[in-house]
Protein backbone atom coordinates (compact mmCIF):
# COMPACT_ATOMS: atom_id res chain seq x y z
CA MET A 1 -29.47 -63.11 245.41
CA VAL A 2 -27.16 -61.73 248.43
CA SER A 3 -23.22 -60.76 247.45
CA ASN A 4 -20.51 -62.47 248.49
CA ARG A 5 -17.72 -60.57 249.91
CA ALA A 6 -15.88 -60.68 246.64
CA THR A 7 -18.61 -58.59 244.77
CA VAL A 8 -19.17 -56.19 247.42
CA GLU A 9 -17.55 -53.05 246.12
CA GLN A 10 -16.58 -50.37 248.12
CA PRO A 11 -16.85 -46.23 247.44
CA GLN A 12 -13.78 -44.99 245.99
CA ALA A 13 -12.01 -43.06 248.53
CA THR A 14 -8.32 -40.99 248.42
CA GLU A 15 -7.23 -41.77 251.94
CA PRO A 16 -6.69 -44.92 253.77
CA PRO A 17 -9.79 -45.82 256.11
CA LYS A 18 -10.03 -45.11 259.51
CA MET A 19 -11.45 -48.36 260.27
CA ARG A 20 -12.06 -51.63 258.26
CA THR A 21 -13.43 -55.01 258.93
CA ASP A 22 -11.77 -58.29 257.42
CA GLY A 23 -13.78 -61.25 257.52
CA LEU A 24 -15.71 -60.06 260.28
CA SER A 25 -18.10 -62.53 262.26
CA VAL A 26 -19.98 -62.65 265.38
CA PHE A 27 -21.41 -65.61 266.93
CA TYR A 28 -23.72 -66.01 269.74
CA GLY A 29 -23.12 -69.76 270.65
CA LYS A 30 -22.66 -71.63 267.53
CA GLN A 31 -25.22 -69.07 265.81
CA ALA A 32 -23.40 -66.49 263.68
CA ALA A 33 -24.79 -63.19 263.69
CA VAL A 34 -22.53 -61.69 261.26
CA LYS A 35 -21.13 -63.37 258.79
CA ASP A 36 -17.70 -62.90 257.07
CA VAL A 37 -18.37 -59.08 256.65
CA CYS A 38 -15.35 -56.75 254.87
CA LEU A 39 -16.14 -52.89 254.92
CA ALA A 40 -13.75 -50.12 255.20
CA ILE A 41 -15.02 -46.95 257.05
CA GLU A 42 -13.72 -43.67 255.74
CA GLY A 43 -12.50 -40.91 257.97
CA CYS A 44 -14.65 -37.84 258.82
CA THR A 45 -17.44 -39.22 257.18
CA ILE A 46 -20.90 -40.15 258.32
CA THR A 47 -21.65 -44.01 257.48
CA SER A 48 -25.24 -45.45 258.29
CA LEU A 49 -25.96 -48.93 258.35
CA ILE A 50 -29.38 -49.96 257.25
CA GLY A 51 -31.30 -53.39 257.12
CA ALA A 52 -34.33 -55.33 258.73
CA SER A 53 -34.14 -55.85 261.99
CA GLY A 54 -32.32 -59.21 262.82
CA SER A 55 -29.80 -58.27 259.94
CA GLY A 56 -26.93 -57.86 262.25
CA LYS A 57 -26.35 -53.86 262.13
CA SER A 58 -25.97 -53.37 266.04
CA THR A 59 -23.97 -57.07 266.40
CA PHE A 60 -21.40 -55.28 263.57
CA VAL A 61 -21.10 -51.79 265.37
CA ARG A 62 -20.94 -53.18 268.93
CA ALA A 63 -17.85 -55.50 267.05
CA LEU A 64 -16.00 -52.14 265.94
CA ASN A 65 -15.21 -51.27 269.87
CA ARG A 66 -15.38 -54.91 271.27
CA MET A 67 -18.45 -54.78 273.30
CA HIS A 68 -18.61 -58.15 272.84
CA ASP A 69 -15.96 -58.69 275.01
CA LEU A 70 -18.87 -58.51 278.25
CA VAL A 71 -20.94 -60.94 276.36
CA ASP A 72 -20.24 -64.68 277.83
CA ASP A 73 -21.24 -66.79 274.64
CA ALA A 74 -20.13 -64.21 272.30
CA LYS A 75 -17.35 -65.19 269.75
CA VAL A 76 -15.66 -62.68 266.84
CA THR A 77 -13.40 -63.82 264.45
CA GLY A 78 -11.77 -61.77 261.46
CA ARG A 79 -10.48 -58.80 262.07
CA VAL A 80 -11.07 -54.86 263.35
CA TRP A 81 -8.40 -52.59 261.86
CA LEU A 82 -8.08 -48.93 263.81
CA ASP A 83 -6.08 -46.57 262.17
CA GLY A 84 -4.19 -50.09 260.98
CA GLN A 85 -3.92 -51.47 264.14
CA ASP A 86 -6.08 -54.52 264.60
CA ILE A 87 -7.95 -53.75 267.66
CA TYR A 88 -8.40 -57.56 268.63
CA ASP A 89 -4.67 -57.91 268.98
CA PRO A 90 -4.30 -59.33 272.97
CA ALA A 91 -1.64 -56.26 273.29
CA VAL A 92 -4.50 -53.57 272.87
CA ASP A 93 -6.26 -52.60 275.88
CA PRO A 94 -10.18 -52.61 275.75
CA VAL A 95 -10.50 -49.66 277.73
CA VAL A 96 -8.24 -47.74 276.03
CA LEU A 97 -9.89 -48.70 272.78
CA ARG A 98 -13.28 -47.24 274.08
CA LYS A 99 -12.26 -44.14 274.58
CA ARG A 100 -11.17 -43.89 270.93
CA VAL A 101 -13.94 -45.83 269.83
CA GLY A 102 -17.17 -44.01 271.83
CA MET A 103 -20.66 -45.35 271.69
CA VAL A 104 -23.97 -44.30 271.96
CA PHE A 105 -26.92 -46.66 272.65
CA GLN A 106 -30.51 -46.67 271.46
CA ARG A 107 -31.99 -45.55 274.75
CA PRO A 108 -30.44 -42.34 276.71
CA ASN A 109 -28.64 -43.84 279.65
CA PRO A 110 -27.44 -40.88 281.60
CA PHE A 111 -25.38 -41.61 285.00
CA PRO A 112 -27.56 -40.88 288.26
CA LYS A 113 -25.43 -38.15 288.71
CA SER A 114 -25.68 -34.28 287.89
CA ILE A 115 -25.52 -33.20 284.56
CA VAL A 116 -21.90 -31.54 284.66
CA ASP A 117 -20.93 -34.60 286.57
CA ASN A 118 -21.84 -36.95 283.38
CA VAL A 119 -19.60 -34.75 281.13
CA LEU A 120 -16.92 -34.80 283.38
CA TYR A 121 -17.08 -38.52 284.09
CA ALA A 122 -14.08 -39.65 281.13
CA PRO A 123 -12.08 -36.39 282.10
CA ARG A 124 -12.04 -37.50 285.45
CA ILE A 125 -11.07 -41.06 285.24
CA HIS A 126 -8.55 -40.19 283.12
CA GLY A 127 -6.83 -38.16 285.70
CA GLU A 128 -7.62 -34.47 285.05
CA ARG A 129 -8.22 -32.79 287.99
CA GLY A 130 -7.93 -29.12 287.24
CA ARG A 131 -11.16 -27.25 288.26
CA ARG A 132 -10.83 -24.69 285.84
CA ASN A 133 -9.75 -26.78 282.95
CA LEU A 134 -12.98 -29.10 284.31
CA ARG A 135 -14.84 -26.23 284.10
CA ASP A 136 -14.03 -25.55 280.33
CA VAL A 137 -14.40 -29.03 279.19
CA ALA A 138 -17.75 -29.32 280.52
CA GLU A 139 -18.70 -26.24 278.58
CA GLU A 140 -16.84 -26.96 275.67
CA MET A 141 -18.75 -30.20 275.33
CA LEU A 142 -21.97 -29.28 275.99
CA ARG A 143 -21.78 -26.50 273.39
CA ALA A 144 -20.52 -28.74 271.03
CA ALA A 145 -23.50 -31.21 272.04
CA PHE A 146 -25.97 -28.15 271.47
CA LEU A 147 -27.36 -28.31 275.05
CA TRP A 148 -25.27 -25.63 276.93
CA ASP A 149 -27.93 -23.03 276.50
CA GLU A 150 -30.57 -25.32 277.59
CA VAL A 151 -28.29 -26.63 280.97
CA LYS A 152 -25.95 -23.80 281.67
CA ASP A 153 -28.13 -22.60 284.75
CA ARG A 154 -28.73 -26.41 286.08
CA LEU A 155 -25.31 -28.15 285.53
CA HIS A 156 -25.51 -29.45 289.39
CA ARG A 157 -29.18 -30.76 288.94
CA SER A 158 -29.77 -34.38 288.05
CA ALA A 159 -29.40 -35.32 284.55
CA LEU A 160 -32.54 -37.41 284.90
CA GLU A 161 -34.61 -34.20 285.06
CA LEU A 162 -33.77 -33.77 281.68
CA SER A 163 -36.05 -35.15 278.89
CA GLY A 164 -35.17 -37.85 276.52
CA GLY A 165 -33.63 -35.29 273.84
CA GLN A 166 -31.56 -33.66 275.98
CA GLN A 167 -30.46 -36.96 278.02
CA GLN A 168 -29.32 -37.96 274.43
CA ARG A 169 -27.35 -35.05 273.73
CA LEU A 170 -26.09 -35.46 277.23
CA CYS A 171 -25.07 -38.93 276.31
CA ILE A 172 -23.01 -37.67 273.40
CA ALA A 173 -21.48 -35.18 275.39
CA ARG A 174 -20.14 -37.22 277.74
CA VAL A 175 -18.73 -39.37 274.87
CA LEU A 176 -17.46 -36.34 273.12
CA ALA A 177 -15.36 -35.45 276.28
CA ALA A 178 -13.46 -38.56 276.00
CA ARG A 179 -11.86 -37.19 272.51
CA PRO A 180 -12.74 -40.31 270.18
CA ASP A 181 -11.85 -40.54 267.32
CA VAL A 182 -15.02 -42.90 266.23
CA ILE A 183 -18.64 -42.49 267.35
CA LEU A 184 -20.49 -45.62 267.29
CA MET A 185 -24.69 -44.80 267.35
CA ASP A 186 -26.84 -47.59 268.03
CA GLU A 187 -30.12 -45.94 266.53
CA PRO A 188 -29.55 -42.99 268.89
CA THR A 189 -32.94 -41.53 267.68
CA SER A 190 -35.54 -44.41 267.38
CA SER A 191 -37.21 -43.54 271.35
CA LEU A 192 -37.41 -39.86 270.44
CA ASP A 193 -39.73 -37.41 268.86
CA PRO A 194 -39.49 -35.61 265.59
CA ILE A 195 -37.91 -32.39 267.26
CA ALA A 196 -35.82 -33.95 269.68
CA THR A 197 -34.80 -36.35 266.18
CA ALA A 198 -33.87 -33.33 263.80
CA ARG A 199 -31.59 -31.75 266.91
CA ILE A 200 -29.54 -35.12 267.15
CA GLU A 201 -29.26 -35.53 263.62
CA GLN A 202 -28.02 -31.35 263.64
CA LEU A 203 -25.34 -32.63 266.14
CA ILE A 204 -24.24 -35.55 264.12
CA LEU A 205 -23.89 -33.50 260.73
CA SER A 206 -21.70 -31.39 263.06
CA LEU A 207 -19.39 -33.70 264.44
CA ARG A 208 -18.43 -35.12 260.73
CA GLU A 209 -16.15 -32.57 260.11
CA ARG A 210 -13.45 -33.54 263.00
CA MET A 211 -14.52 -37.49 263.55
CA THR A 212 -15.85 -40.71 262.23
CA ILE A 213 -19.22 -41.73 262.91
CA VAL A 214 -20.88 -45.05 262.03
CA ILE A 215 -24.83 -44.99 262.84
CA VAL A 216 -27.06 -47.88 263.04
CA THR A 217 -30.70 -47.08 261.77
CA HIS A 218 -33.89 -47.85 260.85
CA SER A 219 -35.15 -45.23 259.34
CA LEU A 220 -34.20 -44.77 255.61
CA GLN A 221 -35.32 -41.29 255.42
CA GLN A 222 -32.71 -40.59 258.21
CA ALA A 223 -29.87 -42.26 256.88
CA ALA A 224 -30.62 -40.71 253.34
CA ARG A 225 -30.54 -37.15 255.37
CA ILE A 226 -27.55 -37.44 257.04
CA SER A 227 -25.08 -40.30 255.60
CA ASP A 228 -22.12 -39.87 253.23
CA VAL A 229 -21.88 -44.06 252.84
CA THR A 230 -24.60 -46.58 253.46
CA ALA A 231 -24.19 -50.08 254.00
CA PHE A 232 -27.10 -52.45 253.57
CA LEU A 233 -26.76 -56.00 255.57
CA HIS A 234 -28.83 -59.03 255.31
CA LEU A 235 -29.30 -61.77 257.69
CA GLY A 236 -25.99 -60.99 259.09
CA ARG A 237 -24.09 -60.48 255.42
CA LEU A 238 -23.07 -56.85 253.54
CA VAL A 239 -25.41 -57.12 250.63
CA GLU A 240 -24.06 -53.47 249.32
CA VAL A 241 -22.09 -50.57 250.39
CA GLY A 242 -21.91 -47.36 248.36
CA ARG A 243 -22.72 -43.59 248.39
CA THR A 244 -25.56 -42.78 249.80
CA THR A 245 -26.99 -41.25 246.92
CA GLN A 246 -25.95 -44.28 244.63
CA ILE A 247 -27.57 -46.76 247.46
CA PHE A 248 -30.92 -44.82 247.07
CA THR A 249 -31.09 -44.17 243.85
CA LYS A 250 -29.47 -46.73 241.76
CA PRO A 251 -28.31 -49.88 243.92
CA ASN A 252 -26.30 -52.42 242.18
CA GLU A 253 -28.12 -55.08 243.93
CA ARG A 254 -31.77 -56.62 243.24
CA MET A 255 -32.35 -56.85 247.22
CA THR A 256 -31.00 -53.45 248.20
CA GLU A 257 -33.52 -51.71 245.60
CA ASP A 258 -36.61 -53.90 247.36
CA TYR A 259 -35.31 -53.00 250.64
CA VAL A 260 -34.87 -49.47 249.91
CA THR A 261 -38.11 -49.17 248.08
CA GLY A 262 -39.91 -51.09 250.58
CA ARG A 263 -40.86 -54.15 248.79
CA PHE A 264 -39.60 -55.75 251.99
CA GLY A 265 -38.70 -55.24 255.46
C-alpha cells in the first residue's frame, strides 16, 4: 500500500533544508500528476527521484523552479520553499528564481550559437560586459564542466558541432554560469552512451560540495552510484524517501522493495 504523506519519514538532517515542498500537487487540466508531496531537500546533497514512467518525477522537479508557469493548463497547489521563501509567492520573480534554481533537460539543448556564447548567455543577460571577466567566466565554467580541454581551441565554433555528451556538459556549464544554488536535472544522461554518462556523473559528484542537485533518473544503478538521498514516487505520490543505501538495501515500504528489486516498473 502506498504511504500517505503523514507516514513518509525523511532522513534526519542537521541543517534546515535548502528546498522543501509542503502538500505539493500539480494538475494538467483536472488530472493530478503529482499528489500532495511533502519533501525536504538538503543543501549540498544529490537527491535522486526514482519511479516508473508516469510516476510524476519530471512533473515534480519542474515545479521546483516554476516551469509549469509556462504551461497553459497546468495548475500548482501547495507550497515550495527555497531558503524559507515560498517560490510561488506573487512577489517572487520567476526569472530571478530560475537563475537560482537552474534546469538541465533530458536531451542536450545548446543554443545555435558558439560554444563560448552558450556559456556566457546568463552573465550577459544579467549585465556583465567586461571582456576579461567574461573570458575568465567562460574558462571557469568549462573547466567546472570538465569540458575546457576538449574545446579550448574551438570556443568560437558552433556548439551544435559537439557530440551529445559534450553538448550536455556544455548545457551544464551554461547553467553553472548563472551561479545557481540548486540544479535540477531531468534524466540528463538518458540519451547518452556509457562513457558520456560516466563523465556527466563525475561532473554531478564534483558539484555536490557547493550546490544542491535534484536528479530524475530511470536508472536505479545511477541513483545508487551518485545520490545521497533517494525518493521513490508512484502514480504521483511520494511512497518513501531515505538515505540511498537504506532505500536500496532495507526500504520501509513493500512497494519500494518491489520496485528496486525489479518486481515491477
